[in-house]
Amino acid sequence: MLGLRFPRRRSSWELQRSALVSCSLVLLSQFALAMVPRLFPFLSLLAMLPIAGMVMVATILLGRCWRRFLGISASAPAFVLFNILFLWGVYVSTIRQAIPSLLDAILNAECALLLYGLYRILSGDPGMVSYSSSPVESGQNDFATLNVLYEQNSPSFSRVRYCKSCKTSIKGFDHHCPAFGNCIGQRNHRLFIVLLAGFLIAESSYTMCSTKFLTKSADSQRMESIHASSLVISTTLFCILQVLWQVVFLIWHIYCICFNIKTEEWINWKRYPEFQLVMEPQPGSPIVQTRFTNPYDKGFLGNILDFIKSKD
């Protein structure tokens, strides 16, 4: 039997320090974004997007530099959490006054649900497979080796994959999600899709509300304070940037669901024998070709039903 190593629990001080670094990066990035409309007031919102994108890339690089040179690492889930709280704070303090009551209630409910969903996926079990005693202690933790051993032990361990980030094996492993601080596996894959769609909806709603606020302010020929208006524009830029990559990400995952394949399997299919179809060599050629095949494909509708009805 296999003994699986679970990630070391971080101390309270380490968690607090990571949260503090994440909060600092959020404030730094958001106020850096707020400088974009102040420095380039003559540009349209669309023209500001590339500049805002460079600001976000610079923030990511700064976070990596802190980790490399100072030994201080940020927490990706905390970064996501503080961004939600920051945007919600800007909405409540500035944008809300120009928004109809119904739309206001919807956006507040979306933000609250995002926080709840983030807590659920962060604290939930993605489908960890536990064993007692054995050979992993010798250093044999290669995920491909573990997968072969699992499938030899029992058919119920089919599609169990090893996550190097969490140092454990996950049933139905799709990928490790740093933003949500957890693996995405059989038990939380549906929650992940719902949460990803929720972020898209909430960010789109925020963009619509902020645009309405800016339009009303311009029509009435009055603008709020320079700081407030800059924050509204910068947070709108942030949301648009998030929507752009999240739409592509969601489309990819819907594609994987429709064809019943996991992200990790698609990337590393050559490591798993069940995805390899060995072709007979052509006459006069000694080369044996290996092509991709998906033994889990049950057809479009069958794959979707399998995803919806998959048991924990």
C-alpha atoms as a PDB file:
ATOM      1  CA  MET A   1       0.000   0.000   0.000  1.00  0.00           C
ATOM      2  CA  LEU A   2       1.059   3.577  -0.555  1.00  0.00           C
ATOM      3  CA  GLY A   3       1.620   6.217   2.049  1.00  0.00           C
ATOM      4  CA  LEU A   4       0.871   9.713   0.799  1.00  0.00           C
ATOM      5  CA  ARG A   5       2.633  12.819   2.036  1.00  0.00           C
ATOM      6  CA  PHE A   6       0.435  15.788   2.727  1.00  0.00           C
ATOM      7  CA  PRO A   7       1.612  19.392   2.575  1.00  0.00           C
ATOM      8  CA  ARG A   8       3.176  20.838   5.679  1.00  0.00           C
ATOM      9  CA  ARG A   9       0.801  23.058   7.602  1.00  0.00           C
ATOM     10  CA  ARG A  10       1.987  26.637   7.745  1.00  0.00           C
ATOM     11  CA  SER A  11       2.356  28.364  11.082  1.00  0.00           C
ATOM     12  CA  SER A  12       0.060  31.180  12.147  1.00  0.00           C
ATOM     13  CA  TRP A  13       2.880  33.696  11.706  1.00  0.00           C
ATOM     14  CA  GLU A  14       3.604  32.505   8.158  1.00  0.00           C
ATOM     15  CA  LEU A  15      -0.076  32.814   7.232  1.00  0.00           C
ATOM     16  CA  GLN A  16      -0.307  36.308   8.718  1.00  0.00           C
ATOM     17  CA  ARG A  17       2.848  37.416   6.929  1.00  0.00           C
ATOM     18  CA  SER A  18       1.620  36.047   3.581  1.00  0.00           C
ATOM     19  CA  ALA A  19      -1.741  37.758   4.076  1.00  0.00           C
ATOM     20  CA  LEU A  20       0.008  41.051   4.873  1.00  0.00           C
ATOM     21  CA  VAL A  21       2.182  40.788   1.759  1.00  0.00           C
ATOM     22  CA  SER A  22      -0.894  39.977  -0.351  1.00  0.00           C
ATOM     23  CA  CYS A  23      -2.799  42.939   1.060  1.00  0.00           C
ATOM     24  CA  SER A  24       0.175  45.216   0.332  1.00  0.00           C
ATOM     25  CA  LEU A  25       0.370  43.959  -3.269  1.00  0.00           C
ATOM     26  CA  VAL A  26      -3.364  44.523  -3.768  1.00  0.00           C
ATOM     27  CA  LEU A  27      -3.173  48.092  -2.478  1.00  0.00           C
ATOM     28  CA  LEU A  28      -0.033  48.779  -4.486  1.00  0.00           C
ATOM     29  CA  SER A  29      -1.487  47.377  -7.716  1.00  0.00           C
ATOM     30  CA  GLN A  30      -4.858  49.093  -7.320  1.00  0.00           C
ATOM     31  CA  PHE A  31      -3.380  52.492  -6.559  1.00  0.00           C
ATOM     32  CA  ALA A  32      -0.872  52.054  -9.398  1.00  0.00           C
ATOM     33  CA  LEU A  33      -3.834  51.352 -11.683  1.00  0.00           C
ATOM     34  CA  ALA A  34      -5.523  54.479 -10.299  1.00  0.00           C
ATOM     35  CA  MET A  35      -2.587  56.524 -11.596  1.00  0.00           C
ATOM     36  CA  VAL A  36      -3.282  55.429 -15.181  1.00  0.00           C
ATOM     37  CA  PRO A  37      -6.381  57.648 -15.714  1.00  0.00           C
ATOM     38  CA  ARG A  38      -4.678  60.489 -13.864  1.00  0.00           C
ATOM     39  CA  LEU A  39      -1.540  60.367 -16.007  1.00  0.00           C
ATOM     40  CA  PHE A  40      -3.394  59.667 -19.263  1.00  0.00           C
ATOM     41  CA  PRO A  41      -6.762  61.466 -18.936  1.00  0.00           C
ATOM     42  CA  PHE A  42      -6.885  62.027 -22.709  1.00  0.00           C
ATOM     43  CA  LEU A  43      -7.016  58.272 -23.433  1.00  0.00           C
ATOM     44  CA  SER A  44     -10.199  56.258 -23.792  1.00  0.00           C
ATOM     45  CA  LEU A  45     -10.934  53.329 -21.522  1.00  0.00           C
ATOM     46  CA  LEU A  46      -9.977  50.897 -24.286  1.00  0.00           C
ATOM     47  CA  ALA A  47      -6.661  52.656 -24.894  1.00  0.00           C
ATOM     48  CA  MET A  48      -5.836  52.460 -21.184  1.00  0.00           C
ATOM     49  CA  LEU A  49      -6.173  48.669 -21.126  1.00  0.00           C
ATOM     50  CA  PRO A  50      -2.641  47.835 -22.390  1.00  0.00           C
ATOM     51  CA  ILE A  51      -1.115  50.219 -19.829  1.00  0.00           C
ATOM     52  CA  ALA A  52      -3.238  48.670 -17.067  1.00  0.00           C
ATOM     53  CA  GLY A  53      -2.114  45.234 -18.235  1.00  0.00           C
ATOM     54  CA  MET A  54       1.554  46.254 -17.908  1.00  0.00           C
ATOM     55  CA  VAL A  55       0.864  47.537 -14.392  1.00  0.00           C
ATOM     56  CA  MET A  56      -0.610  44.166 -13.408  1.00  0.00           C
ATOM     57  CA  VAL A  57       2.372  42.307 -14.906  1.00  0.00           C
ATOM     58  CA  ALA A  58       4.717  44.581 -12.953  1.00  0.00           C
ATOM     59  CA  THR A  59       2.830  43.734  -9.757  1.00  0.00           C
ATOM     60  CA  ILE A  60       3.232  40.000 -10.394  1.00  0.00           C
ATOM     61  CA  LEU A  61       6.953  40.456 -11.040  1.00  0.00           C
ATOM     62  CA  LEU A  62       7.289  42.487  -7.854  1.00  0.00           C
ATOM     63  CA  GLY A  63       5.633  39.710  -5.875  1.00  0.00           C
ATOM     64  CA  ARG A  64       8.097  37.203  -7.316  1.00  0.00           C
ATOM     65  CA  CYS A  65      11.031  39.474  -6.481  1.00  0.00           C
ATOM     66  CA  TRP A  66       9.888  39.708  -2.862  1.00  0.00           C
ATOM     67  CA  ARG A  67       9.739  35.944  -2.726  1.00  0.00           C
ATOM     68  CA  ARG A  68      13.128  35.441  -4.359  1.00  0.00           C
ATOM     69  CA  PHE A  69      15.227  38.126  -2.664  1.00  0.00           C
ATOM     70  CA  LEU A  70      13.440  38.676   0.647  1.00  0.00           C
ATOM     71  CA  GLY A  71      12.076  35.194   1.206  1.00  0.00           C
ATOM     72  CA  ILE A  72       8.576  36.641   1.619  1.00  0.00           C
ATOM     73  CA  SER A  73       5.833  35.027  -0.440  1.00  0.00           C
ATOM     74  CA  ALA A  74       2.323  36.302  -1.012  1.00  0.00           C
ATOM     75  CA  SER A  75      -0.772  34.145  -0.723  1.00  0.00           C
ATOM     76  CA  ALA A  76      -2.683  33.872  -4.005  1.00  0.00           C
ATOM     77  CA  PRO A  77      -6.050  33.162  -2.308  1.00  0.00           C
ATOM     78  CA  ALA A  78      -5.511  36.155  -0.007  1.00  0.00           C
ATOM     79  CA  PHE A  79      -4.675  38.261  -3.071  1.00  0.00           C
ATOM     80  CA  VAL A  80      -7.992  37.222  -4.631  1.00  0.00           C
ATOM     81  CA  LEU A  81      -9.857  37.867  -1.368  1.00  0.00           C
ATOM     82  CA  PHE A  82      -8.424  41.361  -0.847  1.00  0.00           C
ATOM     83  CA  ASN A  83      -9.162  42.305  -4.456  1.00  0.00           C
ATOM     84  CA  ILE A  84     -12.805  41.309  -3.982  1.00  0.00           C
ATOM     85  CA  LEU A  85     -13.005  43.360  -0.788  1.00  0.00           C
ATOM     86  CA  PHE A  86     -11.279  46.328  -2.419  1.00  0.00           C
ATOM     87  CA  LEU A  87     -13.637  46.386  -5.405  1.00  0.00           C
ATOM     88  CA  TRP A  88     -16.636  45.921  -3.142  1.00  0.00           C
ATOM     89  CA  GLY A  89     -15.426  48.821  -0.983  1.00  0.00           C
ATOM     90  CA  VAL A  90     -15.062  51.126  -4.007  1.00  0.00           C
ATOM     91  CA  TYR A  91     -18.532  50.142  -5.167  1.00  0.00           C
ATOM     92  CA  VAL A  92     -20.199  50.784  -1.790  1.00  0.00           C
ATOM     93  CA  SER A  93     -18.376  54.053  -1.113  1.00  0.00           C
ATOM     94  CA  THR A  94     -18.573  55.638  -4.572  1.00  0.00           C
ATOM     95  CA  ILE A  95     -20.473  53.840  -7.339  1.00  0.00           C
ATOM     96  CA  ARG A  96     -23.512  52.667  -5.383  1.00  0.00           C
ATOM     97  CA  GLN A  97     -25.162  56.089  -5.257  1.00  0.00           C
ATOM     98  CA  ALA A  98     -25.745  56.076  -9.040  1.00  0.00           C
ATOM     99  CA  ILE A  99     -27.096  52.512  -9.248  1.00  0.00           C
ATOM    100  CA  PRO A 100     -30.783  51.432  -9.090  1.00  0.00           C
ATOM    101  CA  SER A 101     -31.797  49.485  -5.980  1.00  0.00           C
ATOM    102  CA  LEU A 102     -32.381  46.177  -7.754  1.00  0.00           C
ATOM    103  CA  LEU A 103     -28.991  46.219  -9.523  1.00  0.00           C
ATOM    104  CA  ASP A 104     -27.380  47.285  -6.258  1.00  0.00           C
ATOM    105  CA  ALA A 105     -28.875  44.305  -4.423  1.00  0.00           C
ATOM    106  CA  ILE A 106     -27.772  41.928  -7.199  1.00  0.00           C
ATOM    107  CA  LEU A 107     -24.169  43.119  -7.173  1.00  0.00           C
ATOM    108  CA  ASN A 108     -23.933  42.965  -3.377  1.00  0.00           C
ATOM    109  CA  ALA A 109     -25.351  39.434  -3.443  1.00  0.00           C
ATOM    110  CA  GLU A 110     -22.811  38.428  -6.119  1.00  0.00           C
ATOM    111  CA  CYS A 111     -19.914  39.699  -4.011  1.00  0.00           C
ATOM    112  CA  ALA A 112     -21.186  37.888  -0.917  1.00  0.00           C
ATOM    113  CA  LEU A 113     -21.599  34.649  -2.874  1.00  0.00           C
ATOM    114  CA  LEU A 114     -18.073  34.978  -4.264  1.00  0.00           C
ATOM    115  CA  LEU A 115     -16.678  35.194  -0.743  1.00  0.00           C
ATOM    116  CA  TYR A 116     -18.694  32.149   0.316  1.00  0.00           C
ATOM    117  CA  GLY A 117     -17.629  30.192  -2.756  1.00  0.00           C
ATOM    118  CA  LEU A 118     -13.981  31.134  -2.198  1.00  0.00           C
ATOM    119  CA  TYR A 119     -14.206  29.849   1.375  1.00  0.00           C
ATOM    120  CA  ARG A 120     -15.843  26.591   0.254  1.00  0.00           C
ATOM    121  CA  ILE A 121     -13.280  25.794  -2.431  1.00  0.00           C
ATOM    122  CA  LEU A 122     -10.350  26.843  -0.250  1.00  0.00           C
ATOM    123  CA  SER A 123     -11.378  24.676   2.691  1.00  0.00           C
ATOM    124  CA  GLY A 124     -12.957  21.757   0.820  1.00  0.00           C
ATOM    125  CA  ASP A 125     -11.513  18.366  -0.077  1.00  0.00           C
ATOM    126  CA  PRO A 126     -10.887  18.131  -3.847  1.00  0.00           C
ATOM    127  CA  GLY A 127     -10.885  14.329  -3.686  1.00  0.00           C
ATOM    128  CA  MET A 128      -7.709  13.384  -1.844  1.00  0.00           C
ATOM    129  CA  VAL A 129      -6.912   9.671  -1.849  1.00  0.00           C
ATOM    130  CA  SER A 130      -5.425   8.465   1.422  1.00  0.00           C
ATOM    131  CA  TYR A 131      -3.502   5.308   2.092  1.00  0.00           C
ATOM    132  CA  SER A 132      -1.681   3.881   5.044  1.00  0.00           C
ATOM    133  CA  SER A 133       1.982   2.956   5.357  1.00  0.00           C
ATOM    134  CA  SER A 134       4.642   2.469   2.798  1.00  0.00           C
ATOM    135  CA  PRO A 135       6.997   3.038  -0.115  1.00  0.00           C
ATOM    136  CA  VAL A 136       6.592   6.770  -0.693  1.00  0.00           C
ATOM    137  CA  GLU A 137       8.885   7.279   2.257  1.00  0.00           C
ATOM    138  CA  SER A 138      11.705   6.050   0.053  1.00  0.00           C
ATOM    139  CA  GLY A 139      11.236   9.134  -2.088  1.00  0.00           C
ATOM    140  CA  GLN A 140       9.092   7.535  -4.772  1.00  0.00           C
ATOM    141  CA  ASN A 141       6.605  10.325  -5.314  1.00  0.00           C
ATOM    142  CA  ASP A 142       6.479  10.618  -9.068  1.00  0.00           C
ATOM    143  CA  PHE A 143       2.831  11.072  -9.978  1.00  0.00           C
ATOM    144  CA  ALA A 144       2.970   8.826 -13.032  1.00  0.00           C
ATOM    145  CA  THR A 145       4.363   5.956 -10.938  1.00  0.00           C
ATOM    146  CA  LEU A 146       1.697   6.490  -8.323  1.00  0.00           C
ATOM    147  CA  ASN A 147      -1.036   6.456 -10.961  1.00  0.00           C
ATOM    148  CA  VAL A 148       0.093   3.073 -12.283  1.00  0.00           C
ATOM    149  CA  LEU A 149       0.158   1.642  -8.776  1.00  0.00           C
ATOM    150  CA  TYR A 150      -3.292   3.001  -8.015  1.00  0.00           C
ATOM    151  CA  GLU A 151      -4.818   1.477 -11.115  1.00  0.00           C
ATOM    152  CA  GLN A 152      -3.220  -1.873 -10.293  1.00  0.00           C
ATOM    153  CA  ASN A 153      -4.701  -1.803  -6.810  1.00  0.00           C
ATOM    154  CA  SER A 154      -8.310  -1.089  -7.719  1.00  0.00           C
ATOM    155  CA  PRO A 155     -10.420   0.179 -10.646  1.00  0.00           C
ATOM    156  CA  SER A 156     -11.900   2.749  -8.264  1.00  0.00           C
ATOM    157  CA  PHE A 157      -8.573   4.582  -8.379  1.00  0.00           C
ATOM    158  CA  SER A 158      -8.813   5.228 -12.093  1.00  0.00           C
ATOM    159  CA  ARG A 159      -7.858   8.820 -12.992  1.00  0.00           C
ATOM    160  CA  VAL A 160      -6.114   9.402  -9.697  1.00  0.00           C
ATOM    161  CA  ARG A 161      -3.302  11.859 -10.383  1.00  0.00           C
ATOM    162  CA  TYR A 162      -0.466  13.167  -8.256  1.00  0.00           C
ATOM    163  CA  CYS A 163      -0.227  16.889  -7.468  1.00  0.00           C
ATOM    164  CA  LYS A 164       3.320  18.085  -6.925  1.00  0.00           C
ATOM    165  CA  SER A 165       2.124  21.317  -5.300  1.00  0.00           C
ATOM    166  CA  CYS A 166       0.060  19.583  -2.619  1.00  0.00           C
ATOM    167  CA  LYS A 167       2.230  16.434  -2.539  1.00  0.00           C
ATOM    168  CA  THR A 168      -0.811  14.201  -2.518  1.00  0.00           C
ATOM    169  CA  SER A 169      -2.979  12.294  -5.001  1.00  0.00           C
ATOM    170  CA  ILE A 170      -6.335  13.556  -6.183  1.00  0.00           C
ATOM    171  CA  LYS A 171      -9.142  11.588  -7.800  1.00  0.00           C
ATOM    172  CA  GLY A 172     -10.295  13.291 -10.993  1.00  0.00           C
ATOM    173  CA  PHE A 173      -7.376  15.738 -10.765  1.00  0.00           C
ATOM    174  CA  ASP A 174      -7.727  18.591 -13.280  1.00  0.00           C
ATOM    175  CA  HIS A 175      -5.090  21.075 -12.141  1.00  0.00           C
ATOM    176  CA  HIS A 176      -3.729  22.840  -9.093  1.00  0.00           C
ATOM    177  CA  CYS A 177      -5.300  26.298  -8.807  1.00  0.00           C
ATOM    178  CA  PRO A 178      -3.015  28.770  -6.962  1.00  0.00           C
ATOM    179  CA  ALA A 179      -5.714  31.468  -6.988  1.00  0.00           C
ATOM    180  CA  PHE A 180      -8.073  29.247  -4.981  1.00  0.00           C
ATOM    181  CA  GLY A 181      -5.298  27.622  -2.968  1.00  0.00           C
ATOM    182  CA  ASN A 182      -6.409  24.085  -3.697  1.00  0.00           C
ATOM    183  CA  CYS A 183      -6.364  21.313  -6.259  1.00  0.00           C
ATOM    184  CA  ILE A 184      -9.326  20.988  -8.588  1.00  0.00           C
ATOM    185  CA  GLY A 185     -10.528  17.402  -8.488  1.00  0.00           C
ATOM    186  CA  GLN A 186     -13.631  15.278  -8.585  1.00  0.00           C
ATOM    187  CA  ARG A 187     -15.182  16.712  -5.420  1.00  0.00           C
ATOM    188  CA  ASN A 188     -14.827  20.407  -6.252  1.00  0.00           C
ATOM    189  CA  HIS A 189     -14.688  20.554 -10.061  1.00  0.00           C
ATOM    190  CA  ARG A 190     -18.308  21.656 -10.381  1.00  0.00           C
ATOM    191  CA  LEU A 191     -17.838  24.257  -7.645  1.00  0.00           C
ATOM    192  CA  PHE A 192     -14.769  25.536  -9.501  1.00  0.00           C
ATOM    193  CA  ILE A 193     -16.757  26.015 -12.735  1.00  0.00           C
ATOM    194  CA  VAL A 194     -19.598  27.745 -10.882  1.00  0.00           C
ATOM    195  CA  LEU A 195     -17.136  30.000  -9.045  1.00  0.00           C
ATOM    196  CA  LEU A 196     -15.277  30.875 -12.256  1.00  0.00           C
ATOM    197  CA  ALA A 197     -18.581  31.776 -13.925  1.00  0.00           C
ATOM    198  CA  GLY A 198     -19.515  33.735 -10.787  1.00  0.00           C
ATOM    199  CA  PHE A 199     -16.360  35.846 -11.045  1.00  0.00           C
ATOM    200  CA  LEU A 200     -17.135  36.587 -14.689  1.00  0.00           C
ATOM    201  CA  ILE A 201     -20.705  37.628 -13.872  1.00  0.00           C
ATOM    202  CA  ALA A 202     -19.694  39.762 -10.872  1.00  0.00           C
ATOM    203  CA  GLU A 203     -16.883  41.520 -12.762  1.00  0.00           C
ATOM    204  CA  SER A 204     -19.168  42.169 -15.721  1.00  0.00           C
ATOM    205  CA  SER A 205     -21.813  43.574 -13.360  1.00  0.00           C
ATOM    206  CA  TYR A 206     -19.230  45.801 -11.706  1.00  0.00           C
ATOM    207  CA  THR A 207     -18.075  47.081 -15.112  1.00  0.00           C
ATOM    208  CA  MET A 208     -21.675  47.857 -16.076  1.00  0.00           C
ATOM    209  CA  CYS A 209     -22.308  49.689 -12.798  1.00  0.00           C
ATOM    210  CA  SER A 210     -19.085  51.692 -12.963  1.00  0.00           C
ATOM    211  CA  THR A 211     -19.812  52.674 -16.571  1.00  0.00           C
ATOM    212  CA  LYS A 212     -23.287  53.826 -15.531  1.00  0.00           C
ATOM    213  CA  PHE A 213     -21.731  55.869 -12.725  1.00  0.00           C
ATOM    214  CA  LEU A 214     -19.200  57.537 -15.051  1.00  0.00           C
ATOM    215  CA  THR A 215     -21.890  58.266 -17.659  1.00  0.00           C
ATOM    216  CA  LYS A 216     -24.204  59.874 -15.100  1.00  0.00           C
ATOM    217  CA  SER A 217     -21.354  61.923 -13.693  1.00  0.00           C
ATOM    218  CA  ALA A 218     -20.424  63.174 -17.174  1.00  0.00           C
ATOM    219  CA  ASP A 219     -24.044  63.936 -18.122  1.00  0.00           C
ATOM    220  CA  SER A 220     -24.584  66.008 -14.998  1.00  0.00           C
ATOM    221  CA  GLN A 221     -21.316  67.836 -15.765  1.00  0.00           C
ATOM    222  CA  ARG A 222     -19.939  67.014 -12.364  1.00  0.00           C
ATOM    223  CA  MET A 223     -17.328  64.517 -11.359  1.00  0.00           C
ATOM    224  CA  GLU A 224     -16.626  63.175  -7.942  1.00  0.00           C
ATOM    225  CA  SER A 225     -13.238  63.884  -6.406  1.00  0.00           C
ATOM    226  CA  ILE A 226     -10.265  63.105  -8.625  1.00  0.00           C
ATOM    227  CA  HIS A 227      -9.241  60.238  -6.357  1.00  0.00           C
ATOM    228  CA  ALA A 228     -12.706  58.659  -6.414  1.00  0.00           C
ATOM    229  CA  SER A 229     -13.142  58.926 -10.169  1.00  0.00           C
ATOM    230  CA  SER A 230      -9.648  57.527 -10.751  1.00  0.00           C
ATOM    231  CA  LEU A 231     -10.460  54.545  -8.533  1.00  0.00           C
ATOM    232  CA  VAL A 232     -13.693  53.891 -10.407  1.00  0.00           C
ATOM    233  CA  ILE A 233     -11.886  53.913 -13.769  1.00  0.00           C
ATOM    234  CA  SER A 234      -8.949  51.838 -12.503  1.00  0.00           C
ATOM    235  CA  THR A 235     -11.130  49.173 -10.918  1.00  0.00           C
ATOM    236  CA  THR A 236     -13.131  49.021 -14.149  1.00  0.00           C
ATOM    237  CA  LEU A 237      -9.886  48.421 -16.053  1.00  0.00           C
ATOM    238  CA  PHE A 238      -8.981  45.707 -13.555  1.00  0.00           C
ATOM    239  CA  CYS A 239     -12.325  43.951 -14.047  1.00  0.00           C
ATOM    240  CA  ILE A 240     -12.094  44.113 -17.844  1.00  0.00           C
ATOM    241  CA  LEU A 241      -8.611  42.568 -17.745  1.00  0.00           C
ATOM    242  CA  GLN A 242      -9.884  39.802 -15.476  1.00  0.00           C
ATOM    243  CA  VAL A 243     -12.864  39.102 -17.730  1.00  0.00           C
ATOM    244  CA  LEU A 244     -10.654  38.837 -20.827  1.00  0.00           C
ATOM    245  CA  TRP A 245      -8.547  35.947 -19.541  1.00  0.00           C
ATOM    246  CA  GLN A 246     -11.291  34.313 -17.478  1.00  0.00           C
ATOM    247  CA  VAL A 247     -13.554  33.989 -20.536  1.00  0.00           C
ATOM    248  CA  VAL A 248     -10.802  32.054 -22.347  1.00  0.00           C
ATOM    249  CA  PHE A 249     -10.189  29.964 -19.225  1.00  0.00           C
ATOM    250  CA  LEU A 250     -13.881  29.125 -18.855  1.00  0.00           C
ATOM    251  CA  ILE A 251     -14.200  28.200 -22.534  1.00  0.00           C
ATOM    252  CA  TRP A 252     -11.246  25.834 -22.157  1.00  0.00           C
ATOM    253  CA  HIS A 253     -12.802  24.091 -19.162  1.00  0.00           C
ATOM    254  CA  ILE A 254     -16.168  23.773 -20.906  1.00  0.00           C
ATOM    255  CA  TYR A 255     -14.331  22.194 -23.839  1.00  0.00           C
ATOM    256  CA  CYS A 256     -12.654  19.705 -21.456  1.00  0.00           C
ATOM    257  CA  ILE A 257     -16.005  18.854 -19.874  1.00  0.00           C
ATOM    258  CA  CYS A 258     -17.609  18.265 -23.274  1.00  0.00           C
ATOM    259  CA  PHE A 259     -14.841  15.802 -24.228  1.00  0.00           C
ATOM    260  CA  ASN A 260     -14.354  14.318 -20.733  1.00  0.00           C
ATOM    261  CA  ILE A 261     -10.677  15.091 -20.351  1.00  0.00           C
ATOM    262  CA  LYS A 262      -8.791  16.856 -17.578  1.00  0.00           C
ATOM    263  CA  THR A 263      -6.358  19.713 -18.105  1.00  0.00           C
ATOM    264  CA  GLU A 264      -3.480  17.720 -16.628  1.00  0.00           C
ATOM    265  CA  GLU A 265      -4.309  14.707 -18.794  1.00  0.00           C
ATOM    266  CA  TRP A 266      -4.426  16.825 -21.950  1.00  0.00           C
ATOM    267  CA  ILE A 267      -1.013  18.363 -21.208  1.00  0.00           C
ATOM    268  CA  ASN A 268       0.706  15.149 -20.065  1.00  0.00           C
ATOM    269  CA  TRP A 269      -1.193  12.510 -22.064  1.00  0.00           C
ATOM    270  CA  LYS A 270       2.053  10.852 -23.160  1.00  0.00           C
ATOM    271  CA  ARG A 271       2.671   9.879 -19.532  1.00  0.00           C
ATOM    272  CA  TYR A 272      -0.527   7.869 -19.273  1.00  0.00           C
ATOM    273  CA  PRO A 273      -0.794   4.608 -21.266  1.00  0.00           C
ATOM    274  CA  GLU A 274      -4.599   4.749 -21.536  1.00  0.00           C
ATOM    275  CA  PHE A 275      -4.347   7.866 -23.733  1.00  0.00           C
ATOM    276  CA  GLN A 276      -1.817   6.327 -26.108  1.00  0.00           C
ATOM    277  CA  LEU A 277      -2.882   4.580 -29.294  1.00  0.00           C
ATOM    278  CA  VAL A 278       0.054   2.748 -30.850  1.00  0.00           C
ATOM    279  CA  MET A 279      -0.151   2.754 -34.647  1.00  0.00           C
ATOM    280  CA  GLU A 280       1.353   0.053 -36.825  1.00  0.00           C
ATOM    281  CA  PRO A 281       4.499   1.281 -38.611  1.00  0.00           C
ATOM    282  CA  GLN A 282       4.185   2.106 -42.271  1.00  0.00           C
ATOM    283  CA  PRO A 283       5.653  -0.444 -44.721  1.00  0.00           C
ATOM    284  CA  GLY A 284       9.381   0.105 -44.967  1.00  0.00           C
ATOM    285  CA  SER A 285       9.455   2.382 -41.906  1.00  0.00           C
ATOM    286  CA  PRO A 286      10.605   1.127 -38.477  1.00  0.00           C
ATOM    287  CA  ILE A 287       9.094   4.122 -36.681  1.00  0.00           C
ATOM    288  CA  VAL A 288       6.116   3.326 -34.459  1.00  0.00           C
ATOM    289  CA  GLN A 289       3.751   6.280 -34.081  1.00  0.00           C
ATOM    290  CA  THR A 290       1.732   6.990 -30.963  1.00  0.00           C
ATOM    291  CA  ARG A 291      -1.454   9.001 -31.251  1.00  0.00           C
ATOM    292  CA  PHE A 292      -3.794  10.454 -28.682  1.00  0.00           C
ATOM    293  CA  THR A 293      -7.001   8.620 -27.827  1.00  0.00           C
ATOM    294  CA  ASN A 294      -9.493   9.334 -25.082  1.00  0.00           C
ATOM    295  CA  PRO A 295     -10.911   6.179 -23.480  1.00  0.00           C
ATOM    296  CA  TYR A 296     -13.174   8.252 -21.206  1.00  0.00           C
ATOM    297  CA  ASP A 297     -15.072   9.995 -24.018  1.00  0.00           C
ATOM    298  CA  LYS A 298     -18.762   9.017 -23.797  1.00  0.00           C
ATOM    299  CA  GLY A 299     -20.059  11.412 -26.417  1.00  0.00           C
ATOM    300  CA  PHE A 300     -21.059  15.057 -26.016  1.00  0.00           C
ATOM    301  CA  LEU A 301     -24.216  14.545 -23.921  1.00  0.00           C
ATOM    302  CA  GLY A 302     -22.752  11.584 -22.041  1.00  0.00           C
ATOM    303  CA  ASN A 303     -19.705  13.631 -21.019  1.00  0.00           C
ATOM    304  CA  ILE A 304     -21.812  16.524 -19.764  1.00  0.00           C
ATOM    305  CA  LEU A 305     -24.072  14.174 -17.783  1.00  0.00           C
ATOM    306  CA  ASP A 306     -21.005  12.429 -16.398  1.00  0.00           C
ATOM    307  CA  PHE A 307     -19.680  15.770 -15.168  1.00  0.00           C
ATOM    308  CA  ILE A 308     -23.010  16.813 -13.623  1.00  0.00           C
ATOM    309  CA  LYS A 309     -23.730  13.474 -11.991  1.00  0.00           C
ATOM    310  CA  SER A 310     -20.196  12.490 -11.008  1.00  0.00           C
ATOM    311  CA  LYS A 311     -20.099  11.122  -7.469  1.00  0.00           C
ATOM    312  CA  ASP A 312     -17.731  12.363  -4.812  1.00  0.00           C
END
